[in-house]
Amino acid sequence: IEIKHDDKLPEEGQAYFQCALLYTSISGQRRLRIHNLAFSTCSQLSDLFRCCEMDTFVNVVSKQAIRQVYTSTPKAIRENLTNQCAQILACYRRNCASPSSAGQLILPECMKLLPLYTNC
């Protein structure tokens, strides 16, 4: 499930998300499962790259790739993952990194293993 929020979030604060699921167990018992999440917000893209969680990112991207197994070829899925990685690193280079030579690979500290995870 993807959720989109178009309103302004407070800078340097937190955004809270709550999701409730009502279901029936095998024994016929009605149950309610509630998940509460707090997300840090930021106004600068460099803050986002500096504080990202690589494990969470790889988990989400892997699940998206697994969903494509039934509709795409393995080659197309791999190309999609490679393109996502390239777009992320290009965005970092364009918006956050200090100027350097065009051939030099620039990576945020917390995403140094992103190319490795993408190719696994």
C-alpha atoms as a PDB file:
ATOM      1  CA  ILE A   1       0.000   0.000   0.000  1.00  0.00           C
ATOM      2  CA  GLU A   2       1.321   3.438  -0.886  1.00  0.00           C
ATOM      3  CA  ILE A   3      -0.001   6.531   0.849  1.00  0.00           C
ATOM      4  CA  LYS A   4       0.350  10.067  -0.444  1.00  0.00           C
ATOM      5  CA  HIS A   5       0.058  13.207   1.679  1.00  0.00           C
ATOM      6  CA  ASP A   6      -0.128  16.555  -0.151  1.00  0.00           C
ATOM      7  CA  ASP A   7      -0.375  18.900   2.832  1.00  0.00           C
ATOM      8  CA  LYS A   8       2.633  20.641   4.402  1.00  0.00           C
ATOM      9  CA  LEU A   9       4.489  18.823   7.159  1.00  0.00           C
ATOM     10  CA  PRO A  10       6.205  20.654  10.009  1.00  0.00           C
ATOM     11  CA  GLU A  11       9.916  21.157   9.367  1.00  0.00           C
ATOM     12  CA  GLU A  12      12.317  19.457  11.775  1.00  0.00           C
ATOM     13  CA  GLY A  13       9.402  17.787  13.542  1.00  0.00           C
ATOM     14  CA  GLN A  14       7.659  14.467  13.337  1.00  0.00           C
ATOM     15  CA  ALA A  15       4.735  13.128  11.361  1.00  0.00           C
ATOM     16  CA  TYR A  16       2.608  10.391  12.881  1.00  0.00           C
ATOM     17  CA  PHE A  17       0.837   7.592  11.066  1.00  0.00           C
ATOM     18  CA  GLN A  18      -1.728   5.200  12.529  1.00  0.00           C
ATOM     19  CA  CYS A  19      -3.219   2.205  10.764  1.00  0.00           C
ATOM     20  CA  ALA A  20      -5.931  -0.064  12.155  1.00  0.00           C
ATOM     21  CA  LEU A  21      -6.865  -3.491  10.817  1.00  0.00           C
ATOM     22  CA  LEU A  22     -10.053  -5.254  11.891  1.00  0.00           C
ATOM     23  CA  TYR A  23     -10.079  -8.980  11.188  1.00  0.00           C
ATOM     24  CA  THR A  24     -11.566 -12.285  12.315  1.00  0.00           C
ATOM     25  CA  SER A  25      -9.312 -15.036  13.644  1.00  0.00           C
ATOM     26  CA  ILE A  26      -9.703 -18.686  12.669  1.00  0.00           C
ATOM     27  CA  SER A  27     -11.691 -19.322  15.856  1.00  0.00           C
ATOM     28  CA  GLY A  28     -14.199 -16.585  14.912  1.00  0.00           C
ATOM     29  CA  GLN A  29     -12.883 -14.021  17.337  1.00  0.00           C
ATOM     30  CA  ARG A  30     -12.928 -10.377  16.130  1.00  0.00           C
ATOM     31  CA  ARG A  31      -9.555  -8.687  16.561  1.00  0.00           C
ATOM     32  CA  LEU A  32      -8.172  -5.233  16.036  1.00  0.00           C
ATOM     33  CA  ARG A  33      -4.504  -4.677  15.220  1.00  0.00           C
ATOM     34  CA  ILE A  34      -3.192  -1.115  15.455  1.00  0.00           C
ATOM     35  CA  HIS A  35       0.183   0.121  14.198  1.00  0.00           C
ATOM     36  CA  ASN A  36       1.565   3.510  15.223  1.00  0.00           C
ATOM     37  CA  LEU A  37       4.559   5.045  13.483  1.00  0.00           C
ATOM     38  CA  ALA A  38       6.431   8.307  13.975  1.00  0.00           C
ATOM     39  CA  PHE A  39       8.484   9.664  11.075  1.00  0.00           C
ATOM     40  CA  SER A  40      11.056  12.432  11.276  1.00  0.00           C
ATOM     41  CA  THR A  41      10.530  15.237   8.783  1.00  0.00           C
ATOM     42  CA  CYS A  42      13.107  17.500   7.183  1.00  0.00           C
ATOM     43  CA  SER A  43      13.167  20.390   4.762  1.00  0.00           C
ATOM     44  CA  GLN A  44      16.545  19.694   3.137  1.00  0.00           C
ATOM     45  CA  LEU A  45      17.221  16.818   0.768  1.00  0.00           C
ATOM     46  CA  SER A  46      20.722  16.456   2.223  1.00  0.00           C
ATOM     47  CA  ASP A  47      19.168  15.709   5.646  1.00  0.00           C
ATOM     48  CA  LEU A  48      17.078  12.961   4.071  1.00  0.00           C
ATOM     49  CA  PHE A  49      20.107  11.314   2.482  1.00  0.00           C
ATOM     50  CA  ARG A  50      22.193  11.704   5.655  1.00  0.00           C
ATOM     51  CA  CYS A  51      19.611   9.983   7.874  1.00  0.00           C
ATOM     52  CA  CYS A  52      18.187   7.296   5.604  1.00  0.00           C
ATOM     53  CA  GLU A  53      18.031   3.682   6.780  1.00  0.00           C
ATOM     54  CA  MET A  54      19.617   1.424   4.185  1.00  0.00           C
ATOM     55  CA  ASP A  55      18.084  -1.771   5.628  1.00  0.00           C
ATOM     56  CA  THR A  56      14.571  -0.330   5.387  1.00  0.00           C
ATOM     57  CA  PHE A  57      15.183   0.994   1.894  1.00  0.00           C
ATOM     58  CA  VAL A  58      16.481  -2.367   0.626  1.00  0.00           C
ATOM     59  CA  ASN A  59      13.512  -4.134   2.268  1.00  0.00           C
ATOM     60  CA  VAL A  60      10.964  -1.907   0.497  1.00  0.00           C
ATOM     61  CA  VAL A  61      12.704  -2.073  -2.888  1.00  0.00           C
ATOM     62  CA  SER A  62      13.044  -5.869  -2.600  1.00  0.00           C
ATOM     63  CA  LYS A  63       9.337  -6.268  -1.885  1.00  0.00           C
ATOM     64  CA  GLN A  64       8.486  -4.080  -4.874  1.00  0.00           C
ATOM     65  CA  ALA A  65      10.752  -6.228  -7.058  1.00  0.00           C
ATOM     66  CA  ILE A  66       9.167  -9.452  -5.773  1.00  0.00           C
ATOM     67  CA  ARG A  67       5.725  -8.115  -6.725  1.00  0.00           C
ATOM     68  CA  GLN A  68       6.966  -7.710 -10.303  1.00  0.00           C
ATOM     69  CA  VAL A  69       7.973 -11.376 -10.646  1.00  0.00           C
ATOM     70  CA  TYR A  70       4.573 -12.377 -12.025  1.00  0.00           C
ATOM     71  CA  THR A  71       4.368  -9.572 -14.590  1.00  0.00           C
ATOM     72  CA  SER A  72       7.972  -8.940 -15.691  1.00  0.00           C
ATOM     73  CA  THR A  73      11.035 -10.864 -16.755  1.00  0.00           C
ATOM     74  CA  PRO A  74      13.995 -11.170 -14.377  1.00  0.00           C
ATOM     75  CA  LYS A  75      16.050  -9.037 -16.755  1.00  0.00           C
ATOM     76  CA  ALA A  76      13.453  -6.232 -16.657  1.00  0.00           C
ATOM     77  CA  ILE A  77      13.301  -6.387 -12.850  1.00  0.00           C
ATOM     78  CA  ARG A  78      17.101  -6.149 -12.597  1.00  0.00           C
ATOM     79  CA  GLU A  79      17.155  -3.202 -15.015  1.00  0.00           C
ATOM     80  CA  ASN A  80      14.459  -1.472 -12.973  1.00  0.00           C
ATOM     81  CA  LEU A  81      16.487  -1.922  -9.767  1.00  0.00           C
ATOM     82  CA  THR A  82      19.627  -0.631 -11.475  1.00  0.00           C
ATOM     83  CA  ASN A  83      17.748   2.390 -12.827  1.00  0.00           C
ATOM     84  CA  GLN A  84      16.314   3.168  -9.372  1.00  0.00           C
ATOM     85  CA  CYS A  85      19.801   3.014  -7.855  1.00  0.00           C
ATOM     86  CA  ALA A  86      21.225   5.259 -10.583  1.00  0.00           C
ATOM     87  CA  GLN A  87      18.401   7.795 -10.163  1.00  0.00           C
ATOM     88  CA  ILE A  88      18.908   7.962  -6.394  1.00  0.00           C
ATOM     89  CA  LEU A  89      22.651   8.460  -6.702  1.00  0.00           C
ATOM     90  CA  ALA A  90      22.203  11.028  -9.493  1.00  0.00           C
ATOM     91  CA  CYS A  91      19.739  12.938  -7.308  1.00  0.00           C
ATOM     92  CA  TYR A  92      22.238  12.937  -4.465  1.00  0.00           C
ATOM     93  CA  ARG A  93      25.035  14.121  -6.735  1.00  0.00           C
ATOM     94  CA  ARG A  94      22.896  16.858  -8.304  1.00  0.00           C
ATOM     95  CA  ASN A  95      21.379  18.214  -5.074  1.00  0.00           C
ATOM     96  CA  CYS A  96      23.666  17.352  -2.173  1.00  0.00           C
ATOM     97  CA  ALA A  97      27.243  16.535  -3.177  1.00  0.00           C
ATOM     98  CA  SER A  98      30.031  19.038  -3.605  1.00  0.00           C
ATOM     99  CA  PRO A  99      31.197  19.535  -7.225  1.00  0.00           C
ATOM    100  CA  SER A 100      33.690  16.939  -8.458  1.00  0.00           C
ATOM    101  CA  SER A 101      34.782  15.282 -11.697  1.00  0.00           C
ATOM    102  CA  ALA A 102      32.063  13.670 -13.802  1.00  0.00           C
ATOM    103  CA  GLY A 103      33.633  10.208 -13.624  1.00  0.00           C
ATOM    104  CA  GLN A 104      33.854  10.092  -9.841  1.00  0.00           C
ATOM    105  CA  LEU A 105      31.201   8.099  -7.993  1.00  0.00           C
ATOM    106  CA  ILE A 106      29.707  10.174  -5.171  1.00  0.00           C
ATOM    107  CA  LEU A 107      27.781   8.298  -2.464  1.00  0.00           C
ATOM    108  CA  PRO A 108      26.088   9.431   0.723  1.00  0.00           C
ATOM    109  CA  GLU A 109      27.695   7.902   3.806  1.00  0.00           C
ATOM    110  CA  CYS A 110      24.688   5.772   4.778  1.00  0.00           C
ATOM    111  CA  MET A 111      24.177   4.522   1.193  1.00  0.00           C
ATOM    112  CA  LYS A 112      27.697   3.335   0.421  1.00  0.00           C
ATOM    113  CA  LEU A 113      26.435  -0.238  -0.001  1.00  0.00           C
ATOM    114  CA  LEU A 114      23.471   0.631  -2.243  1.00  0.00           C
ATOM    115  CA  PRO A 115      25.191  -0.412  -5.527  1.00  0.00           C
ATOM    116  CA  LEU A 116      26.265  -3.694  -3.911  1.00  0.00           C
ATOM    117  CA  TYR A 117      22.750  -4.459  -2.637  1.00  0.00           C
ATOM    118  CA  THR A 118      21.287  -3.555  -6.029  1.00  0.00           C
ATOM    119  CA  ASN A 119      23.465  -6.105  -7.813  1.00  0.00           C
ATOM    120  CA  CYS A 120      22.823  -8.969  -5.367  1.00  0.00           C
END
